[in-house]
């Protein structure tokens, strides 16, 4: 099976994550800081170079002012559209 980072679904997830960040009015630097990481971390995440674990995704949701469940629902909705 193909690694998750190379699957179409992962690209959809990254697009949802980036859109949520932008809608929250946050920079990559602000999101990275919320995770205790340098700015380049979020850049790497959004480019698909670095992966987030579920705890980091949850922390990121908190920083963006959304619920983890909301993010997953949006992700699943986007998958159905693609």
PDB file of N, CA and C in Angstrom:
ATOM      1  N   UNK A   1       0.839  -1.179   0.000  1.00  0.00           N
ATOM      2  CA  UNK A   1       0.000   0.000   0.000  1.00  0.00           C
ATOM      3  C   UNK A   1       0.886   1.244   0.000  1.00  0.00           C
ATOM      4  N   UNK A   2       0.433   2.286  -0.669  1.00  0.00           N
ATOM      5  CA  UNK A   2       1.159   3.542  -0.768  1.00  0.00           C
ATOM      6  C   UNK A   2       1.186   4.252   0.586  1.00  0.00           C
ATOM      7  N   UNK A   3       2.328   4.858   0.916  1.00  0.00           N
ATOM      8  CA  UNK A   3       2.429   5.625   2.153  1.00  0.00           C
ATOM      9  C   UNK A   3       1.391   6.740   2.151  1.00  0.00           C
ATOM     10  N   UNK A   4       0.871   7.044   3.320  1.00  0.00           N
ATOM     11  CA  UNK A   4      -0.203   8.037   3.457  1.00  0.00           C
ATOM     12  C   UNK A   4       0.167   9.392   2.859  1.00  0.00           C
ATOM     13  N   UNK A   5       1.419   9.807   3.007  1.00  0.00           N
ATOM     14  CA  UNK A   5       1.786  11.137   2.517  1.00  0.00           C
ATOM     15  C   UNK A   5       1.721  11.241   1.000  1.00  0.00           C
ATOM     16  N   UNK A   6       1.653  10.120   0.310  1.00  0.00           N
ATOM     17  CA  UNK A   6       1.572  10.132  -1.148  1.00  0.00           C
ATOM     18  C   UNK A   6       0.157   9.900  -1.665  1.00  0.00           C
ATOM     19  N   UNK A   7      -0.775   9.705  -0.765  1.00  0.00           N
ATOM     20  CA  UNK A   7      -2.151   9.444  -1.168  1.00  0.00           C
ATOM     21  C   UNK A   7      -2.912  10.750  -1.380  1.00  0.00           C
ATOM     22  N   UNK A   8      -3.887  10.703  -2.243  1.00  0.00           N
ATOM     23  CA  UNK A   8      -4.714  11.878  -2.544  1.00  0.00           C
ATOM     24  C   UNK A   8      -5.380  12.425  -1.279  1.00  0.00           C
ATOM     25  N   UNK A   9      -5.794  11.525  -0.398  1.00  0.00           N
ATOM     26  CA  UNK A   9      -6.463  11.943   0.826  1.00  0.00           C
ATOM     27  C   UNK A   9      -5.585  12.847   1.682  1.00  0.00           C
ATOM     28  N   UNK A  10      -4.297  12.596   1.676  1.00  0.00           N
ATOM     29  CA  UNK A  10      -3.392  13.416   2.485  1.00  0.00           C
ATOM     30  C   UNK A  10      -3.331  14.842   1.935  1.00  0.00           C
ATOM     31  N   UNK A  11      -3.333  14.974   0.620  1.00  0.00           N
ATOM     32  CA  UNK A  11      -3.370  16.302   0.008  1.00  0.00           C
ATOM     33  C   UNK A  11      -4.640  17.049   0.379  1.00  0.00           C
ATOM     34  N   UNK A  12      -5.756  16.342   0.426  1.00  0.00           N
ATOM     35  CA  UNK A  12      -7.028  16.951   0.834  1.00  0.00           C
ATOM     36  C   UNK A  12      -6.930  17.403   2.287  1.00  0.00           C
ATOM     37  N   UNK A  13      -6.369  16.556   3.140  1.00  0.00           N
ATOM     38  CA  UNK A  13      -6.209  16.920   4.551  1.00  0.00           C
ATOM     39  C   UNK A  13      -5.366  18.185   4.701  1.00  0.00           C
ATOM     40  N   UNK A  14      -4.258  18.250   3.976  1.00  0.00           N
ATOM     41  CA  UNK A  14      -3.389  19.431   4.065  1.00  0.00           C
ATOM     42  C   UNK A  14      -4.101  20.686   3.580  1.00  0.00           C
ATOM     43  N   UNK A  15      -4.906  20.569   2.544  1.00  0.00           N
ATOM     44  CA  UNK A  15      -5.658  21.718   2.034  1.00  0.00           C
ATOM     45  C   UNK A  15      -6.672  22.202   3.076  1.00  0.00           C
ATOM     46  N   UNK A  16      -7.335  21.265   3.748  1.00  0.00           N
ATOM     47  CA  UNK A  16      -8.301  21.623   4.795  1.00  0.00           C
ATOM     48  C   UNK A  16      -7.576  22.311   5.944  1.00  0.00           C
ATOM     49  N   UNK A  17      -6.453  21.772   6.348  1.00  0.00           N
ATOM     50  CA  UNK A  17      -5.671  22.338   7.440  1.00  0.00           C
ATOM     51  C   UNK A  17      -5.221  23.758   7.114  1.00  0.00           C
ATOM     52  N   UNK A  18      -4.693  23.961   5.917  1.00  0.00           N
ATOM     53  CA  UNK A  18      -4.221  25.285   5.514  1.00  0.00           C
ATOM     54  C   UNK A  18      -5.380  26.277   5.450  1.00  0.00           C
ATOM     55  N   UNK A  19      -6.500  25.845   4.881  1.00  0.00           N
ATOM     56  CA  UNK A  19      -7.666  26.729   4.782  1.00  0.00           C
ATOM     57  C   UNK A  19      -8.148  27.129   6.168  1.00  0.00           C
ATOM     58  N   UNK A  20      -8.201  26.166   7.090  1.00  0.00           N
ATOM     59  CA  UNK A  20      -8.604  26.466   8.472  1.00  0.00           C
ATOM     60  C   UNK A  20      -7.657  27.488   9.103  1.00  0.00           C
ATOM     61  N   UNK A  21      -6.371  27.320   8.882  1.00  0.00           N
ATOM     62  CA  UNK A  21      -5.386  28.255   9.443  1.00  0.00           C
ATOM     63  C   UNK A  21      -5.624  29.654   8.893  1.00  0.00           C
ATOM     64  N   UNK A  22      -5.812  29.739   7.594  1.00  0.00           N
ATOM     65  CA  UNK A  22      -6.024  31.038   6.954  1.00  0.00           C
ATOM     66  C   UNK A  22      -7.332  31.675   7.412  1.00  0.00           C
ATOM     67  N   UNK A  23      -8.384  30.877   7.516  1.00  0.00           N
ATOM     68  CA  UNK A  23      -9.681  31.402   7.975  1.00  0.00           C
ATOM     69  C   UNK A  23      -9.609  31.892   9.418  1.00  0.00           C
ATOM     70  N   UNK A  24      -8.724  31.292  10.199  1.00  0.00           N
ATOM     71  CA  UNK A  24      -8.527  31.714  11.590  1.00  0.00           C
ATOM     72  C   UNK A  24      -7.672  32.977  11.667  1.00  0.00           C
ATOM     73  N   UNK A  25      -7.118  33.387  10.519  1.00  0.00           N
ATOM     74  CA  UNK A  25      -6.276  34.581  10.490  1.00  0.00           C
ATOM     75  C   UNK A  25      -4.916  34.371  11.119  1.00  0.00           C
ATOM     76  N   UNK A  26      -4.448  33.128  11.111  1.00  0.00           N
ATOM     77  CA  UNK A  26      -3.167  32.804  11.732  1.00  0.00           C
ATOM     78  C   UNK A  26      -2.080  32.603  10.680  1.00  0.00           C
ATOM     79  N   UNK A  27      -0.886  32.983  11.035  1.00  0.00           N
ATOM     80  CA  UNK A  27       0.273  32.739  10.177  1.00  0.00           C
ATOM     81  C   UNK A  27       0.839  31.358  10.488  1.00  0.00           C
ATOM     82  N   UNK A  28       1.704  30.895   9.608  1.00  0.00           N
ATOM     83  CA  UNK A  28       2.403  29.639   9.886  1.00  0.00           C
ATOM     84  C   UNK A  28       3.202  29.768  11.170  1.00  0.00           C
ATOM     85  N   UNK A  29       3.794  30.925  11.357  1.00  0.00           N
ATOM     86  CA  UNK A  29       4.610  31.145  12.555  1.00  0.00           C
ATOM     87  C   UNK A  29       3.775  31.025  13.827  1.00  0.00           C
ATOM     88  N   UNK A  30       2.581  31.605  13.826  1.00  0.00           N
ATOM     89  CA  UNK A  30       1.726  31.538  15.008  1.00  0.00           C
ATOM     90  C   UNK A  30       1.301  30.096  15.306  1.00  0.00           C
ATOM     91  N   UNK A  31       0.988  29.357  14.273  1.00  0.00           N
ATOM     92  CA  UNK A  31       0.611  27.952  14.467  1.00  0.00           C
ATOM     93  C   UNK A  31       1.797  27.130  14.949  1.00  0.00           C
ATOM     94  N   UNK A  32       2.955  27.372  14.367  1.00  0.00           N
ATOM     95  CA  UNK A  32       4.158  26.660  14.793  1.00  0.00           C
ATOM     96  C   UNK A  32       4.462  26.941  16.253  1.00  0.00           C
ATOM     97  N   UNK A  33       4.320  28.196  16.635  1.00  0.00           N
ATOM     98  CA  UNK A  33       4.581  28.597  18.019  1.00  0.00           C
ATOM     99  C   UNK A  33       3.629  27.874  18.977  1.00  0.00           C
ATOM    100  N   UNK A  34       2.363  27.712  18.556  1.00  0.00           N
ATOM    101  CA  UNK A  34       1.387  27.010  19.398  1.00  0.00           C
ATOM    102  C   UNK A  34       1.799  25.557  19.630  1.00  0.00           C
ATOM    103  N   UNK A  35       2.573  25.009  18.704  1.00  0.00           N
ATOM    104  CA  UNK A  35       3.066  23.637  18.836  1.00  0.00           C
ATOM    105  C   UNK A  35       4.473  23.589  19.436  1.00  0.00           C
ATOM    106  N   UNK A  36       5.014  24.770  19.778  1.00  0.00           N
ATOM    107  CA  UNK A  36       6.355  24.826  20.353  1.00  0.00           C
ATOM    108  C   UNK A  36       7.445  24.525  19.347  1.00  0.00           C
ATOM    109  N   UNK A  37       7.189  24.877  18.078  1.00  0.00           N
ATOM    110  CA  UNK A  37       8.127  24.574  16.998  1.00  0.00           C
ATOM    111  C   UNK A  37       8.488  25.854  16.241  1.00  0.00           C
ATOM    112  N   UNK A  38       9.568  25.831  15.455  1.00  0.00           N
ATOM    113  CA  UNK A  38       9.934  27.002  14.643  1.00  0.00           C
ATOM    114  C   UNK A  38       8.961  27.181  13.472  1.00  0.00           C
ATOM    115  N   UNK A  39       8.939  28.360  12.871  1.00  0.00           N
ATOM    116  CA  UNK A  39       8.022  28.674  11.764  1.00  0.00           C
ATOM    117  C   UNK A  39       8.126  27.666  10.648  1.00  0.00           C
ATOM    118  N   UNK A  40       9.324  27.214  10.368  1.00  0.00           N
ATOM    119  CA  UNK A  40       9.528  26.288   9.258  1.00  0.00           C
ATOM    120  C   UNK A  40       8.740  24.989   9.446  1.00  0.00           C
ATOM    121  N   UNK A  41       8.388  24.676  10.677  1.00  0.00           N
ATOM    122  CA  UNK A  41       7.642  23.453  10.946  1.00  0.00           C
ATOM    123  C   UNK A  41       6.311  23.451  10.218  1.00  0.00           C
ATOM    124  N   UNK A  42       5.533  24.522  10.368  1.00  0.00           N
ATOM    125  CA  UNK A  42       4.217  24.599   9.728  1.00  0.00           C
ATOM    126  C   UNK A  42       4.355  24.650   8.215  1.00  0.00           C
ATOM    127  N   UNK A  43       5.375  25.299   7.739  1.00  0.00           N
ATOM    128  CA  UNK A  43       5.630  25.321   6.305  1.00  0.00           C
ATOM    129  C   UNK A  43       5.858  23.907   5.791  1.00  0.00           C
ATOM    130  N   UNK A  44       6.666  23.161   6.509  1.00  0.00           N
ATOM    131  CA  UNK A  44       6.936  21.772   6.133  1.00  0.00           C
ATOM    132  C   UNK A  44       5.666  20.920   6.185  1.00  0.00           C
ATOM    133  N   UNK A  45       4.836  21.159   7.191  1.00  0.00           N
ATOM    134  CA  UNK A  45       3.579  20.422   7.313  1.00  0.00           C
ATOM    135  C   UNK A  45       2.696  20.700   6.102  1.00  0.00           C
ATOM    136  N   UNK A  46       2.515  21.972   5.781  1.00  0.00           N
ATOM    137  CA  UNK A  46       1.609  22.348   4.694  1.00  0.00           C
ATOM    138  C   UNK A  46       2.117  21.907   3.324  1.00  0.00           C
ATOM    139  N   UNK A  47       3.422  21.727   3.201  1.00  0.00           N
ATOM    140  CA  UNK A  47       3.981  21.240   1.937  1.00  0.00           C
ATOM    141  C   UNK A  47       4.008  19.711   1.875  1.00  0.00           C
ATOM    142  N   UNK A  48       3.638  19.066   2.974  1.00  0.00           N
ATOM    143  CA  UNK A  48       3.599  17.615   3.005  1.00  0.00           C
ATOM    144  C   UNK A  48       4.936  16.971   3.292  1.00  0.00           C
ATOM    145  N   UNK A  49       5.892  17.766   3.748  1.00  0.00           N
ATOM    146  CA  UNK A  49       7.230  17.262   4.053  1.00  0.00           C
ATOM    147  C   UNK A  49       7.269  16.629   5.448  1.00  0.00           C
ATOM    148  N   UNK A  50       6.482  17.183   6.348  1.00  0.00           N
ATOM    149  CA  UNK A  50       6.468  16.716   7.739  1.00  0.00           C
ATOM    150  C   UNK A  50       5.030  16.374   8.127  1.00  0.00           C
ATOM    151  N   UNK A  51       4.886  15.307   8.882  1.00  0.00           N
ATOM    152  CA  UNK A  51       3.558  14.873   9.312  1.00  0.00           C
ATOM    153  C   UNK A  51       3.292  15.278  10.751  1.00  0.00           C
ATOM    154  N   UNK A  52       2.020  15.429  11.052  1.00  0.00           N
ATOM    155  CA  UNK A  52       1.583  15.721  12.414  1.00  0.00           C
ATOM    156  C   UNK A  52       1.010  14.460  13.032  1.00  0.00           C
ATOM    157  N   UNK A  53       1.237  14.286  14.332  1.00  0.00           N
ATOM    158  CA  UNK A  53       0.539  13.194  15.011  1.00  0.00           C
ATOM    159  C   UNK A  53      -0.798  13.737  15.526  1.00  0.00           C
ATOM    160  N   UNK A  54      -1.630  12.879  16.023  1.00  0.00           N
ATOM    161  CA  UNK A  54      -2.990  13.263  16.424  1.00  0.00           C
ATOM    162  C   UNK A  54      -2.981  14.293  17.552  1.00  0.00           C
ATOM    163  N   UNK A  55      -2.017  14.229  18.433  1.00  0.00           N
ATOM    164  CA  UNK A  55      -1.929  15.191  19.536  1.00  0.00           C
ATOM    165  C   UNK A  55      -1.578  16.573  18.980  1.00  0.00           C
ATOM    166  N   UNK A  56      -0.653  16.624  18.026  1.00  0.00           N
ATOM    167  CA  UNK A  56      -0.295  17.901  17.400  1.00  0.00           C
ATOM    168  C   UNK A  56      -1.472  18.467  16.612  1.00  0.00           C
ATOM    169  N   UNK A  57      -2.228  17.610  15.953  1.00  0.00           N
ATOM    170  CA  UNK A  57      -3.403  18.082  15.214  1.00  0.00           C
ATOM    171  C   UNK A  57      -4.412  18.677  16.187  1.00  0.00           C
ATOM    172  N   UNK A  58      -4.599  18.023  17.305  1.00  0.00           N
ATOM    173  CA  UNK A  58      -5.523  18.530  18.334  1.00  0.00           C
ATOM    174  C   UNK A  58      -5.047  19.878  18.875  1.00  0.00           C
ATOM    175  N   UNK A  59      -3.752  19.997  19.163  1.00  0.00           N
ATOM    176  CA  UNK A  59      -3.194  21.266  19.638  1.00  0.00           C
ATOM    177  C   UNK A  59      -3.360  22.360  18.582  1.00  0.00           C
ATOM    178  N   UNK A  60      -3.152  22.009  17.347  1.00  0.00           N
ATOM    179  CA  UNK A  60      -3.294  22.961  16.257  1.00  0.00           C
ATOM    180  C   UNK A  60      -4.744  23.422  16.135  1.00  0.00           C
ATOM    181  N   UNK A  61      -5.677  22.509  16.284  1.00  0.00           N
ATOM    182  CA  UNK A  61      -7.096  22.870  16.255  1.00  0.00           C
ATOM    183  C   UNK A  61      -7.409  23.892  17.350  1.00  0.00           C
ATOM    184  N   UNK A  62      -6.880  23.657  18.536  1.00  0.00           N
ATOM    185  CA  UNK A  62      -7.087  24.603  19.640  1.00  0.00           C
ATOM    186  C   UNK A  62      -6.562  25.985  19.260  1.00  0.00           C
ATOM    187  N   UNK A  63      -5.385  26.031  18.667  1.00  0.00           N
ATOM    188  CA  UNK A  63      -4.787  27.311  18.268  1.00  0.00           C
ATOM    189  C   UNK A  63      -5.628  27.998  17.196  1.00  0.00           C
ATOM    190  N   UNK A  64      -6.269  27.204  16.330  1.00  0.00           N
ATOM    191  CA  UNK A  64      -7.071  27.763  15.246  1.00  0.00           C
ATOM    192  C   UNK A  64      -8.508  28.038  15.681  1.00  0.00           C
ATOM    193  N   UNK A  65      -8.819  27.687  16.921  1.00  0.00           N
ATOM    194  CA  UNK A  65     -10.155  27.947  17.444  1.00  0.00           C
ATOM    195  C   UNK A  65     -11.218  26.996  16.905  1.00  0.00           C
ATOM    196  N   UNK A  66     -10.796  25.796  16.559  1.00  0.00           N
ATOM    197  CA  UNK A  66     -11.776  24.808  16.102  1.00  0.00           C
ATOM    198  C   UNK A  66     -11.607  23.530  16.903  1.00  0.00           C
ATOM    199  N   UNK A  67     -12.577  22.695  16.777  1.00  0.00           N
ATOM    200  CA  UNK A  67     -12.594  21.422  17.466  1.00  0.00           C
ATOM    201  C   UNK A  67     -12.010  20.357  16.541  1.00  0.00           C
ATOM    202  N   UNK A  68     -11.307  19.411  17.100  1.00  0.00           N
ATOM    203  CA  UNK A  68     -10.735  18.323  16.301  1.00  0.00           C
ATOM    204  C   UNK A  68     -11.828  17.606  15.507  1.00  0.00           C
ATOM    205  N   UNK A  69     -12.955  17.398  16.136  1.00  0.00           N
ATOM    206  CA  UNK A  69     -14.068  16.728  15.460  1.00  0.00           C
ATOM    207  C   UNK A  69     -14.542  17.537  14.255  1.00  0.00           C
ATOM    208  N   UNK A  70     -14.617  18.856  14.400  1.00  0.00           N
ATOM    209  CA  UNK A  70     -15.013  19.722  13.282  1.00  0.00           C
ATOM    210  C   UNK A  70     -14.045  19.565  12.112  1.00  0.00           C
ATOM    211  N   UNK A  71     -12.766  19.530  12.419  1.00  0.00           N
ATOM    212  CA  UNK A  71     -11.752  19.388  11.378  1.00  0.00           C
ATOM    213  C   UNK A  71     -11.919  18.058  10.641  1.00  0.00           C
ATOM    214  N   UNK A  72     -12.157  16.998  11.382  1.00  0.00           N
ATOM    215  CA  UNK A  72     -12.319  15.680  10.769  1.00  0.00           C
ATOM    216  C   UNK A  72     -13.595  15.636   9.927  1.00  0.00           C
ATOM    217  N   UNK A  73     -14.663  16.239  10.401  1.00  0.00           N
ATOM    218  CA  UNK A  73     -15.908  16.285   9.629  1.00  0.00           C
ATOM    219  C   UNK A  73     -15.692  17.044   8.326  1.00  0.00           C
ATOM    220  N   UNK A  74     -14.987  18.165   8.392  1.00  0.00           N
ATOM    221  CA  UNK A  74     -14.697  18.929   7.182  1.00  0.00           C
ATOM    222  C   UNK A  74     -13.821  18.116   6.228  1.00  0.00           C
ATOM    223  N   UNK A  75     -12.838  17.427   6.762  1.00  0.00           N
ATOM    224  CA  UNK A  75     -11.963  16.578   5.962  1.00  0.00           C
ATOM    225  C   UNK A  75     -12.768  15.500   5.243  1.00  0.00           C
ATOM    226  N   UNK A  76     -13.635  14.814   5.972  1.00  0.00           N
ATOM    227  CA  UNK A  76     -14.457  13.758   5.379  1.00  0.00           C
ATOM    228  C   UNK A  76     -15.392  14.330   4.304  1.00  0.00           C
ATOM    229  N   UNK A  77     -15.923  15.503   4.563  1.00  0.00           N
ATOM    230  CA  UNK A  77     -16.796  16.161   3.581  1.00  0.00           C
ATOM    231  C   UNK A  77     -16.035  16.483   2.296  1.00  0.00           C
ATOM    232  N   UNK A  78     -14.825  16.983   2.449  1.00  0.00           N
ATOM    233  CA  UNK A  78     -13.987  17.296   1.277  1.00  0.00           C
ATOM    234  C   UNK A  78     -13.620  16.026   0.512  1.00  0.00           C
ATOM    235  N   UNK A  79     -13.386  14.945   1.222  1.00  0.00           N
ATOM    236  CA  UNK A  79     -13.069  13.675   0.559  1.00  0.00           C
ATOM    237  C   UNK A  79     -14.235  13.195  -0.299  1.00  0.00           C
ATOM    238  N   UNK A  80     -15.445  13.356   0.205  1.00  0.00           N
ATOM    239  CA  UNK A  80     -16.621  12.934  -0.559  1.00  0.00           C
ATOM    240  C   UNK A  80     -16.783  13.756  -1.828  1.00  0.00           C
ATOM    241  N   UNK A  81     -16.347  15.015  -1.791  1.00  0.00           N
ATOM    242  CA  UNK A  81     -16.459  15.895  -2.965  1.00  0.00           C
ATOM    243  C   UNK A  81     -15.402  15.608  -4.011  1.00  0.00           C
ATOM    244  N   UNK A  82     -14.272  15.052  -3.582  1.00  0.00           N
ATOM    245  CA  UNK A  82     -13.164  14.857  -4.546  1.00  0.00           C
ATOM    246  C   UNK A  82     -13.270  13.552  -5.286  1.00  0.00           C
TER     247      UNK A  82
END
